[in-house]
Amino acid sequence: MVNWVSEPAQKFMVETLLFLCGLLVTFGLPWLIWRWLRSGRPSITPLPIIDDGNGGKIVPLIATFSGLRGLPWIGFASNNLNPRLVIQSDGITYRIAMLRFRGWGDIIQVDVQSVGATVNLSFAFRDSLFTFDADVGSTMLAAQTLALLPDHIALTDRAKLLLMGAG
């Protein structure tokens, strides 16, 4: 049998293929797994809103963020370990870094933003440039949460449309 490729060239090709396979395993496989885990669609059946025992409603969340009013997709702080949003008769209690309470008079408006598997409720406050954003993960849960808010809370057009579509 005639050998058309020299031994050093064969060695170089084998080493190059092994190197490329190593790159694929080292970087490609974890990236594919990460993409698979993160590729979600908004949940069709979200967890239910539950009563906290004190008249408040606990909204199940994926994560919470502190954003800048007017730039909704820029977050300064986030919490995906123990996010919290409780709708109460006198306001909301929420957690990003620490537990806070805001009365209904402090809230200017509530907006809904959604991209892919992310459905955020964004609360803008009267005395702050920062917002509280809660990722509820589904438009159904966002609509249910908006329905819990008092009628005097201003909703953006997107939030009104979502609320009317669900009702």
N, C-alpha and C. Protein backbone atom coordinates (compact mmCIF):
# COMPACT_ATOMS: atom_id res chain seq x y z
N MET A 1 0.84 -1.17 0.00
CA MET A 1 0.00 0.00 0.00
C MET A 1 0.89 1.24 0.00
N VAL A 2 0.50 2.23 -0.80
CA VAL A 2 1.30 3.44 -0.95
C VAL A 2 0.81 4.46 0.06
N ASN A 3 1.72 5.08 0.78
CA ASN A 3 1.42 6.10 1.77
C ASN A 3 1.57 7.46 1.11
N TRP A 4 0.46 8.16 0.90
CA TRP A 4 0.45 9.43 0.18
C TRP A 4 0.80 10.60 1.09
N VAL A 5 0.66 10.45 2.39
CA VAL A 5 0.94 11.54 3.32
C VAL A 5 2.11 11.11 4.20
N SER A 6 3.03 12.04 4.39
CA SER A 6 4.21 11.72 5.20
C SER A 6 3.81 11.54 6.67
N GLU A 7 4.66 10.89 7.41
CA GLU A 7 4.39 10.61 8.83
C GLU A 7 4.24 11.88 9.65
N PRO A 8 5.09 12.91 9.47
CA PRO A 8 4.87 14.16 10.24
C PRO A 8 3.54 14.83 9.90
N ALA A 9 3.11 14.77 8.65
CA ALA A 9 1.85 15.37 8.26
C ALA A 9 0.68 14.62 8.90
N GLN A 10 0.77 13.29 8.93
CA GLN A 10 -0.27 12.48 9.58
C GLN A 10 -0.34 12.82 11.06
N LYS A 11 0.81 12.92 11.69
CA LYS A 11 0.85 13.24 13.11
C LYS A 11 0.23 14.62 13.36
N PHE A 12 0.54 15.59 12.50
CA PHE A 12 -0.02 16.94 12.63
C PHE A 12 -1.54 16.91 12.49
N MET A 13 -2.08 16.17 11.51
CA MET A 13 -3.53 16.09 11.30
C MET A 13 -4.23 15.43 12.50
N VAL A 14 -3.63 14.36 13.02
CA VAL A 14 -4.22 13.68 14.18
C VAL A 14 -4.23 14.60 15.39
N GLU A 15 -3.11 15.30 15.63
CA GLU A 15 -3.04 16.21 16.78
C GLU A 15 -4.01 17.37 16.62
N THR A 16 -4.17 17.87 15.40
CA THR A 16 -5.12 18.96 15.15
C THR A 16 -6.54 18.50 15.41
N LEU A 17 -6.90 17.32 14.93
CA LEU A 17 -8.24 16.79 15.18
C LEU A 17 -8.49 16.56 16.67
N LEU A 18 -7.51 16.04 17.38
CA LEU A 18 -7.65 15.85 18.83
C LEU A 18 -7.82 17.19 19.55
N PHE A 19 -7.07 18.20 19.12
CA PHE A 19 -7.18 19.53 19.72
C PHE A 19 -8.58 20.11 19.48
N LEU A 20 -9.10 19.99 18.24
CA LEU A 20 -10.43 20.50 17.94
C LEU A 20 -11.51 19.75 18.71
N CYS A 21 -11.36 18.44 18.85
CA CYS A 21 -12.31 17.67 19.66
C CYS A 21 -12.25 18.10 21.12
N GLY A 22 -11.05 18.38 21.62
CA GLY A 22 -10.90 18.87 22.99
C GLY A 22 -11.59 20.21 23.19
N LEU A 23 -11.47 21.11 22.20
CA LEU A 23 -12.16 22.40 22.28
C LEU A 23 -13.68 22.21 22.29
N LEU A 24 -14.15 21.31 21.44
CA LEU A 24 -15.57 21.05 21.38
C LEU A 24 -16.10 20.53 22.72
N VAL A 25 -15.39 19.61 23.32
CA VAL A 25 -15.82 19.04 24.59
C VAL A 25 -15.71 20.08 25.71
N THR A 26 -14.62 20.86 25.70
CA THR A 26 -14.38 21.82 26.77
C THR A 26 -15.34 23.01 26.72
N PHE A 27 -15.58 23.54 25.52
CA PHE A 27 -16.40 24.74 25.41
C PHE A 27 -17.76 24.50 24.77
N GLY A 28 -17.80 23.68 23.76
CA GLY A 28 -19.04 23.47 23.01
C GLY A 28 -20.10 22.73 23.78
N LEU A 29 -19.73 21.65 24.42
CA LEU A 29 -20.70 20.85 25.16
C LEU A 29 -21.32 21.61 26.33
N PRO A 30 -20.52 22.29 27.17
CA PRO A 30 -21.15 23.10 28.24
C PRO A 30 -22.04 24.21 27.68
N TRP A 31 -21.63 24.80 26.56
CA TRP A 31 -22.45 25.85 25.96
C TRP A 31 -23.78 25.28 25.48
N LEU A 32 -23.76 24.12 24.84
CA LEU A 32 -25.00 23.49 24.38
C LEU A 32 -25.91 23.13 25.55
N ILE A 33 -25.34 22.62 26.62
CA ILE A 33 -26.15 22.28 27.81
C ILE A 33 -26.73 23.55 28.41
N TRP A 34 -25.94 24.60 28.51
CA TRP A 34 -26.42 25.88 29.05
C TRP A 34 -27.56 26.42 28.19
N ARG A 35 -27.42 26.38 26.86
CA ARG A 35 -28.47 26.84 25.97
C ARG A 35 -29.74 26.01 26.13
N TRP A 36 -29.58 24.70 26.28
CA TRP A 36 -30.73 23.83 26.45
C TRP A 36 -31.47 24.15 27.74
N LEU A 37 -30.72 24.40 28.81
CA LEU A 37 -31.35 24.71 30.09
C LEU A 37 -32.02 26.07 30.07
N ARG A 38 -31.44 27.03 29.35
CA ARG A 38 -31.97 28.38 29.32
C ARG A 38 -33.03 28.60 28.26
N SER A 39 -33.15 27.69 27.31
CA SER A 39 -34.10 27.89 26.22
C SER A 39 -35.48 27.48 26.69
N GLY A 40 -36.20 28.42 27.14
CA GLY A 40 -37.54 28.11 27.59
C GLY A 40 -38.53 28.99 26.90
N ARG A 41 -39.72 28.55 26.92
CA ARG A 41 -40.82 29.37 26.46
C ARG A 41 -41.59 29.76 27.72
N PRO A 42 -42.34 30.85 27.63
CA PRO A 42 -43.12 31.20 28.82
C PRO A 42 -43.98 30.03 29.26
N SER A 43 -44.02 29.82 30.55
CA SER A 43 -44.74 28.68 31.11
C SER A 43 -46.23 28.78 30.80
N ILE A 44 -46.81 27.66 30.42
CA ILE A 44 -48.24 27.63 30.14
C ILE A 44 -49.01 27.48 31.45
N THR A 45 -48.48 26.71 32.37
CA THR A 45 -49.15 26.50 33.66
C THR A 45 -48.23 26.97 34.78
N PRO A 46 -48.32 28.25 35.14
CA PRO A 46 -47.47 28.77 36.21
C PRO A 46 -47.92 28.27 37.58
N LEU A 47 -47.04 28.43 38.55
CA LEU A 47 -47.41 28.12 39.93
C LEU A 47 -48.52 29.08 40.35
N PRO A 48 -49.40 28.66 41.23
CA PRO A 48 -50.52 29.52 41.62
C PRO A 48 -50.08 30.62 42.60
N ILE A 49 -50.83 31.69 42.59
CA ILE A 49 -50.66 32.75 43.59
C ILE A 49 -51.29 32.23 44.87
N ILE A 50 -50.55 32.35 45.98
CA ILE A 50 -51.06 31.79 47.24
C ILE A 50 -51.29 32.89 48.28
N ASP A 51 -52.13 32.58 49.24
CA ASP A 51 -52.44 33.51 50.33
C ASP A 51 -51.35 33.40 51.39
N ASP A 52 -50.90 34.55 51.92
CA ASP A 52 -49.84 34.53 52.93
C ASP A 52 -50.37 34.38 54.35
N GLY A 53 -51.67 34.31 54.52
CA GLY A 53 -52.25 34.15 55.85
C GLY A 53 -52.58 35.47 56.52
N ASN A 54 -52.10 36.58 55.96
CA ASN A 54 -52.38 37.91 56.52
C ASN A 54 -53.17 38.78 55.55
N GLY A 55 -53.82 38.16 54.60
CA GLY A 55 -54.60 38.92 53.62
C GLY A 55 -53.81 39.29 52.38
N GLY A 56 -52.53 38.96 52.33
CA GLY A 56 -51.71 39.26 51.16
C GLY A 56 -51.64 38.08 50.22
N LYS A 57 -51.27 38.34 49.00
CA LYS A 57 -51.13 37.30 47.98
C LYS A 57 -49.67 37.21 47.56
N ILE A 58 -49.08 36.03 47.69
CA ILE A 58 -47.68 35.80 47.32
C ILE A 58 -47.64 35.36 45.87
N VAL A 59 -46.93 36.13 45.05
CA VAL A 59 -46.80 35.83 43.63
C VAL A 59 -45.52 35.02 43.43
N PRO A 60 -45.61 33.83 42.82
CA PRO A 60 -44.39 33.04 42.57
C PRO A 60 -43.54 33.72 41.49
N LEU A 61 -42.26 33.88 41.78
CA LEU A 61 -41.36 34.60 40.87
C LEU A 61 -40.17 33.75 40.46
N ILE A 62 -39.61 34.06 39.32
CA ILE A 62 -38.37 33.44 38.87
C ILE A 62 -37.20 34.27 39.39
N ALA A 63 -37.31 35.59 39.28
CA ALA A 63 -36.24 36.49 39.74
C ALA A 63 -36.81 37.89 39.92
N THR A 64 -36.09 38.72 40.66
CA THR A 64 -36.43 40.13 40.79
C THR A 64 -35.21 40.96 40.43
N PHE A 65 -35.48 42.18 39.97
CA PHE A 65 -34.42 43.07 39.51
C PHE A 65 -34.71 44.49 39.94
N SER A 66 -33.66 45.27 40.06
CA SER A 66 -33.79 46.71 40.22
C SER A 66 -33.29 47.32 38.92
N GLY A 67 -34.18 48.01 38.23
CA GLY A 67 -33.82 48.58 36.94
C GLY A 67 -33.88 50.09 36.98
N LEU A 68 -33.56 50.68 35.85
CA LEU A 68 -33.60 52.13 35.70
C LEU A 68 -34.85 52.49 34.92
N ARG A 69 -35.63 53.43 35.44
CA ARG A 69 -36.86 53.82 34.77
C ARG A 69 -36.53 54.35 33.37
N GLY A 70 -37.23 53.86 32.37
CA GLY A 70 -36.99 54.27 30.99
C GLY A 70 -36.05 53.34 30.25
N LEU A 71 -35.25 52.56 30.97
CA LEU A 71 -34.36 51.56 30.37
C LEU A 71 -34.68 50.22 31.03
N PRO A 72 -35.78 49.58 30.63
CA PRO A 72 -36.30 48.44 31.38
C PRO A 72 -35.41 47.21 31.39
N TRP A 73 -34.53 47.03 30.41
CA TRP A 73 -33.75 45.79 30.33
C TRP A 73 -32.36 45.94 30.92
N ILE A 74 -32.12 47.06 31.60
CA ILE A 74 -30.85 47.25 32.29
C ILE A 74 -31.10 47.10 33.78
N GLY A 75 -30.49 46.10 34.39
CA GLY A 75 -30.68 45.84 35.81
C GLY A 75 -29.44 46.17 36.61
N PHE A 76 -29.62 46.70 37.80
CA PHE A 76 -28.50 47.03 38.68
C PHE A 76 -28.30 46.00 39.77
N ALA A 77 -29.38 45.40 40.18
CA ALA A 77 -29.31 44.36 41.21
C ALA A 77 -30.32 43.29 40.85
N SER A 78 -30.03 42.06 41.23
CA SER A 78 -30.97 40.99 40.93
C SER A 78 -30.99 39.97 42.07
N ASN A 79 -32.04 39.17 42.08
CA ASN A 79 -32.19 38.14 43.09
C ASN A 79 -32.95 36.98 42.44
N ASN A 80 -32.28 35.85 42.27
CA ASN A 80 -32.99 34.69 41.77
C ASN A 80 -32.95 33.53 42.77
N LEU A 81 -32.42 33.78 43.95
CA LEU A 81 -32.40 32.76 44.99
C LEU A 81 -33.67 32.78 45.84
N ASN A 82 -34.06 33.97 46.26
CA ASN A 82 -35.28 34.08 47.07
C ASN A 82 -36.05 35.35 46.71
N PRO A 83 -36.49 35.46 45.45
CA PRO A 83 -37.26 36.65 45.08
C PRO A 83 -38.62 36.63 45.75
N ARG A 84 -39.19 37.82 45.95
CA ARG A 84 -40.48 37.87 46.65
C ARG A 84 -41.29 39.06 46.17
N LEU A 85 -42.57 38.82 45.97
CA LEU A 85 -43.55 39.87 45.71
C LEU A 85 -44.84 39.46 46.40
N VAL A 86 -45.27 40.30 47.32
CA VAL A 86 -46.53 40.06 48.04
C VAL A 86 -47.42 41.27 47.80
N ILE A 87 -48.60 41.01 47.24
CA ILE A 87 -49.59 42.06 47.01
C ILE A 87 -50.47 42.12 48.25
N GLN A 88 -50.46 43.28 48.92
CA GLN A 88 -51.24 43.45 50.15
C GLN A 88 -52.30 44.52 49.93
N SER A 89 -53.15 44.71 50.89
CA SER A 89 -54.23 45.70 50.74
C SER A 89 -53.70 47.12 50.74
N ASP A 90 -52.55 47.36 51.39
CA ASP A 90 -52.02 48.72 51.47
C ASP A 90 -50.78 48.96 50.61
N GLY A 91 -50.33 47.95 49.84
CA GLY A 91 -49.16 48.12 48.99
C GLY A 91 -48.52 46.80 48.63
N ILE A 92 -47.24 46.86 48.26
CA ILE A 92 -46.51 45.64 47.91
C ILE A 92 -45.29 45.50 48.80
N THR A 93 -44.96 44.27 49.11
CA THR A 93 -43.72 43.93 49.78
C THR A 93 -42.90 43.14 48.77
N TYR A 94 -41.64 43.52 48.59
CA TYR A 94 -40.82 42.85 47.59
C TYR A 94 -39.39 42.71 48.09
N ARG A 95 -38.66 41.79 47.48
CA ARG A 95 -37.26 41.58 47.85
C ARG A 95 -36.40 41.54 46.60
N ILE A 96 -35.38 42.40 46.60
CA ILE A 96 -34.29 42.29 45.64
C ILE A 96 -33.06 41.94 46.46
N ALA A 97 -32.55 42.92 47.19
CA ALA A 97 -31.44 42.65 48.12
C ALA A 97 -31.97 42.47 49.54
N MET A 98 -32.97 43.26 49.89
CA MET A 98 -33.59 43.14 51.20
C MET A 98 -35.09 43.38 51.06
N LEU A 99 -35.84 42.97 52.06
CA LEU A 99 -37.28 43.08 52.02
C LEU A 99 -37.68 44.55 52.16
N ARG A 100 -38.54 45.03 51.26
CA ARG A 100 -39.01 46.42 51.28
C ARG A 100 -40.53 46.45 51.12
N PHE A 101 -41.11 47.54 51.60
CA PHE A 101 -42.54 47.76 51.43
C PHE A 101 -42.74 49.09 50.72
N ARG A 102 -43.68 49.12 49.77
CA ARG A 102 -44.08 50.35 49.10
C ARG A 102 -45.60 50.42 49.10
N GLY A 103 -46.12 51.55 49.57
CA GLY A 103 -47.56 51.76 49.57
C GLY A 103 -48.06 52.05 48.17
N TRP A 104 -49.37 51.93 47.97
CA TRP A 104 -49.94 52.17 46.65
C TRP A 104 -49.71 53.60 46.19
N GLY A 105 -49.63 54.55 47.11
CA GLY A 105 -49.37 55.94 46.73
C GLY A 105 -47.97 56.17 46.18
N ASP A 106 -47.04 55.27 46.47
CA ASP A 106 -45.66 55.39 45.98
C ASP A 106 -45.49 54.90 44.54
N ILE A 107 -46.47 54.15 44.05
CA ILE A 107 -46.33 53.52 42.74
C ILE A 107 -46.95 54.41 41.67
N ILE A 108 -46.11 54.82 40.70
CA ILE A 108 -46.59 55.67 39.60
C ILE A 108 -47.35 54.85 38.58
N GLN A 109 -46.73 53.74 38.13
CA GLN A 109 -47.37 52.89 37.14
C GLN A 109 -46.76 51.50 37.15
N VAL A 110 -47.48 50.58 36.52
CA VAL A 110 -47.01 49.20 36.39
C VAL A 110 -47.02 48.86 34.90
N ASP A 111 -45.93 48.25 34.45
CA ASP A 111 -45.77 47.90 33.04
C ASP A 111 -45.50 46.40 32.93
N VAL A 112 -45.72 45.85 31.75
CA VAL A 112 -45.40 44.45 31.45
C VAL A 112 -44.45 44.44 30.26
N GLN A 113 -43.33 43.76 30.41
CA GLN A 113 -42.39 43.59 29.30
C GLN A 113 -42.12 42.11 29.14
N SER A 114 -42.10 41.67 27.89
CA SER A 114 -41.90 40.26 27.67
C SER A 114 -41.04 40.02 26.45
N VAL A 115 -40.05 39.15 26.62
CA VAL A 115 -39.18 38.69 25.54
C VAL A 115 -38.86 37.23 25.82
N GLY A 116 -39.20 36.35 24.90
CA GLY A 116 -38.92 34.93 25.06
C GLY A 116 -39.59 34.37 26.30
N ALA A 117 -38.80 33.74 27.16
CA ALA A 117 -39.34 33.13 28.37
C ALA A 117 -39.41 34.11 29.53
N THR A 118 -39.06 35.36 29.30
CA THR A 118 -39.06 36.37 30.35
C THR A 118 -40.31 37.23 30.25
N VAL A 119 -41.08 37.26 31.31
CA VAL A 119 -42.25 38.14 31.41
C VAL A 119 -42.08 38.93 32.70
N ASN A 120 -41.79 40.21 32.56
CA ASN A 120 -41.51 41.06 33.72
C ASN A 120 -42.67 42.00 34.01
N LEU A 121 -43.00 42.13 35.28
CA LEU A 121 -43.86 43.21 35.76
C LEU A 121 -42.91 44.27 36.30
N SER A 122 -43.08 45.49 35.83
CA SER A 122 -42.19 46.58 36.23
C SER A 122 -42.97 47.63 37.00
N PHE A 123 -42.58 47.84 38.25
CA PHE A 123 -43.22 48.84 39.12
C PHE A 123 -42.34 50.07 39.17
N ALA A 124 -42.86 51.22 38.72
CA ALA A 124 -42.13 52.49 38.78
C ALA A 124 -42.63 53.27 40.00
N PHE A 125 -41.67 53.84 40.75
CA PHE A 125 -42.01 54.52 41.99
C PHE A 125 -41.89 56.04 41.85
N ARG A 126 -42.73 56.73 42.60
CA ARG A 126 -42.82 58.18 42.54
C ARG A 126 -41.51 58.88 42.95
N ASP A 127 -40.83 58.38 43.96
CA ASP A 127 -39.67 59.07 44.51
C ASP A 127 -38.33 58.44 44.11
N SER A 128 -38.32 57.64 43.03
CA SER A 128 -37.09 56.93 42.68
C SER A 128 -36.95 56.80 41.17
N LEU A 129 -35.71 56.85 40.70
CA LEU A 129 -35.43 56.58 39.29
C LEU A 129 -35.33 55.08 39.03
N PHE A 130 -35.29 54.30 40.10
CA PHE A 130 -35.16 52.85 39.96
C PHE A 130 -36.54 52.20 40.00
N THR A 131 -36.62 51.06 39.32
CA THR A 131 -37.87 50.30 39.28
C THR A 131 -37.67 48.98 39.99
N PHE A 132 -38.77 48.36 40.33
CA PHE A 132 -38.77 46.99 40.81
C PHE A 132 -39.35 46.14 39.69
N ASP A 133 -38.56 45.19 39.19
CA ASP A 133 -38.99 44.32 38.10
C ASP A 133 -39.07 42.90 38.62
N ALA A 134 -40.20 42.25 38.38
CA ALA A 134 -40.42 40.89 38.84
C ALA A 134 -40.65 39.99 37.63
N ASP A 135 -39.80 39.00 37.45
CA ASP A 135 -39.97 38.03 36.36
C ASP A 135 -40.94 36.95 36.82
N VAL A 136 -42.16 36.99 36.28
CA VAL A 136 -43.18 36.02 36.65
C VAL A 136 -43.17 34.80 35.75
N GLY A 137 -42.54 34.90 34.59
CA GLY A 137 -42.34 33.74 33.72
C GLY A 137 -43.49 33.36 32.81
N SER A 138 -44.66 33.97 32.97
CA SER A 138 -45.77 33.65 32.07
C SER A 138 -46.72 34.84 31.99
N THR A 139 -47.32 34.99 30.84
CA THR A 139 -48.28 36.08 30.67
C THR A 139 -49.55 35.82 31.48
N MET A 140 -49.88 34.54 31.69
CA MET A 140 -51.05 34.21 32.49
C MET A 140 -50.87 34.68 33.94
N LEU A 141 -49.70 34.41 34.50
CA LEU A 141 -49.44 34.84 35.88
C LEU A 141 -49.32 36.37 35.95
N ALA A 142 -48.77 36.98 34.92
CA ALA A 142 -48.69 38.45 34.90
C ALA A 142 -50.09 39.05 34.92
N ALA A 143 -51.00 38.50 34.13
CA ALA A 143 -52.38 39.00 34.09
C ALA A 143 -53.08 38.78 35.44
N GLN A 144 -52.85 37.62 36.06
CA GLN A 144 -53.45 37.35 37.37
C GLN A 144 -52.93 38.32 38.42
N THR A 145 -51.65 38.65 38.34
CA THR A 145 -51.06 39.59 39.29
C THR A 145 -51.60 40.99 39.07
N LEU A 146 -51.71 41.41 37.81
CA LEU A 146 -52.26 42.74 37.51
C LEU A 146 -53.70 42.85 38.00
N ALA A 147 -54.45 41.77 37.95
CA ALA A 147 -55.84 41.78 38.42
C ALA A 147 -55.93 42.00 39.92
N LEU A 148 -54.87 41.69 40.66
CA LEU A 148 -54.86 41.89 42.11
C LEU A 148 -54.62 43.34 42.51
N LEU A 149 -54.09 44.15 41.58
CA LEU A 149 -53.76 45.54 41.91
C LEU A 149 -55.03 46.37 42.01
N PRO A 150 -55.04 47.38 42.88
CA PRO A 150 -56.22 48.25 42.99
C PRO A 150 -56.47 48.99 41.67
N ASP A 151 -57.71 49.40 41.45
CA ASP A 151 -58.10 50.07 40.21
C ASP A 151 -57.40 51.42 40.00
N HIS A 152 -57.01 52.08 41.07
CA HIS A 152 -56.41 53.41 40.93
C HIS A 152 -54.93 53.36 40.53
N ILE A 153 -54.33 52.19 40.47
CA ILE A 153 -52.93 52.08 40.04
C ILE A 153 -52.88 52.20 38.52
N ALA A 154 -52.04 53.12 38.03
CA ALA A 154 -51.92 53.34 36.59
C ALA A 154 -51.19 52.18 35.93
N LEU A 155 -51.77 51.69 34.85
CA LEU A 155 -51.16 50.63 34.06
C LEU A 155 -50.77 51.19 32.70
N THR A 156 -49.67 50.71 32.14
CA THR A 156 -49.29 51.11 30.79
C THR A 156 -50.25 50.44 29.81
N ASP A 157 -50.18 50.86 28.55
CA ASP A 157 -51.05 50.28 27.53
C ASP A 157 -50.84 48.78 27.39
N ARG A 158 -49.56 48.35 27.47
CA ARG A 158 -49.27 46.90 27.37
C ARG A 158 -49.92 46.15 28.52
N ALA A 159 -49.82 46.71 29.72
CA ALA A 159 -50.41 46.04 30.89
C ALA A 159 -51.93 46.00 30.77
N LYS A 160 -52.55 47.10 30.32
CA LYS A 160 -54.01 47.12 30.14
C LYS A 160 -54.43 46.09 29.10
N LEU A 161 -53.68 46.00 28.01
CA LEU A 161 -54.01 45.04 26.96
C LEU A 161 -53.92 43.60 27.46
N LEU A 162 -52.88 43.32 28.25
CA LEU A 162 -52.73 41.98 28.81
C LEU A 162 -53.87 41.67 29.79
N LEU A 163 -54.22 42.65 30.61
CA LEU A 163 -55.29 42.46 31.59
C LEU A 163 -56.65 42.26 30.90
N MET A 164 -56.92 43.03 29.84
CA MET A 164 -58.18 42.87 29.10
C MET A 164 -58.22 41.55 28.35
N GLY A 165 -57.08 41.11 27.85
CA GLY A 165 -57.02 39.84 27.12
C GLY A 165 -57.26 38.65 28.01
N ALA A 166 -56.89 38.78 29.26
CA ALA A 166 -57.07 37.69 30.21
C ALA A 166 -58.46 37.69 30.83
N GLY A 167 -59.09 38.85 30.83
CA GLY A 167 -60.38 38.95 31.48
C GLY A 167 -61.48 38.65 30.56
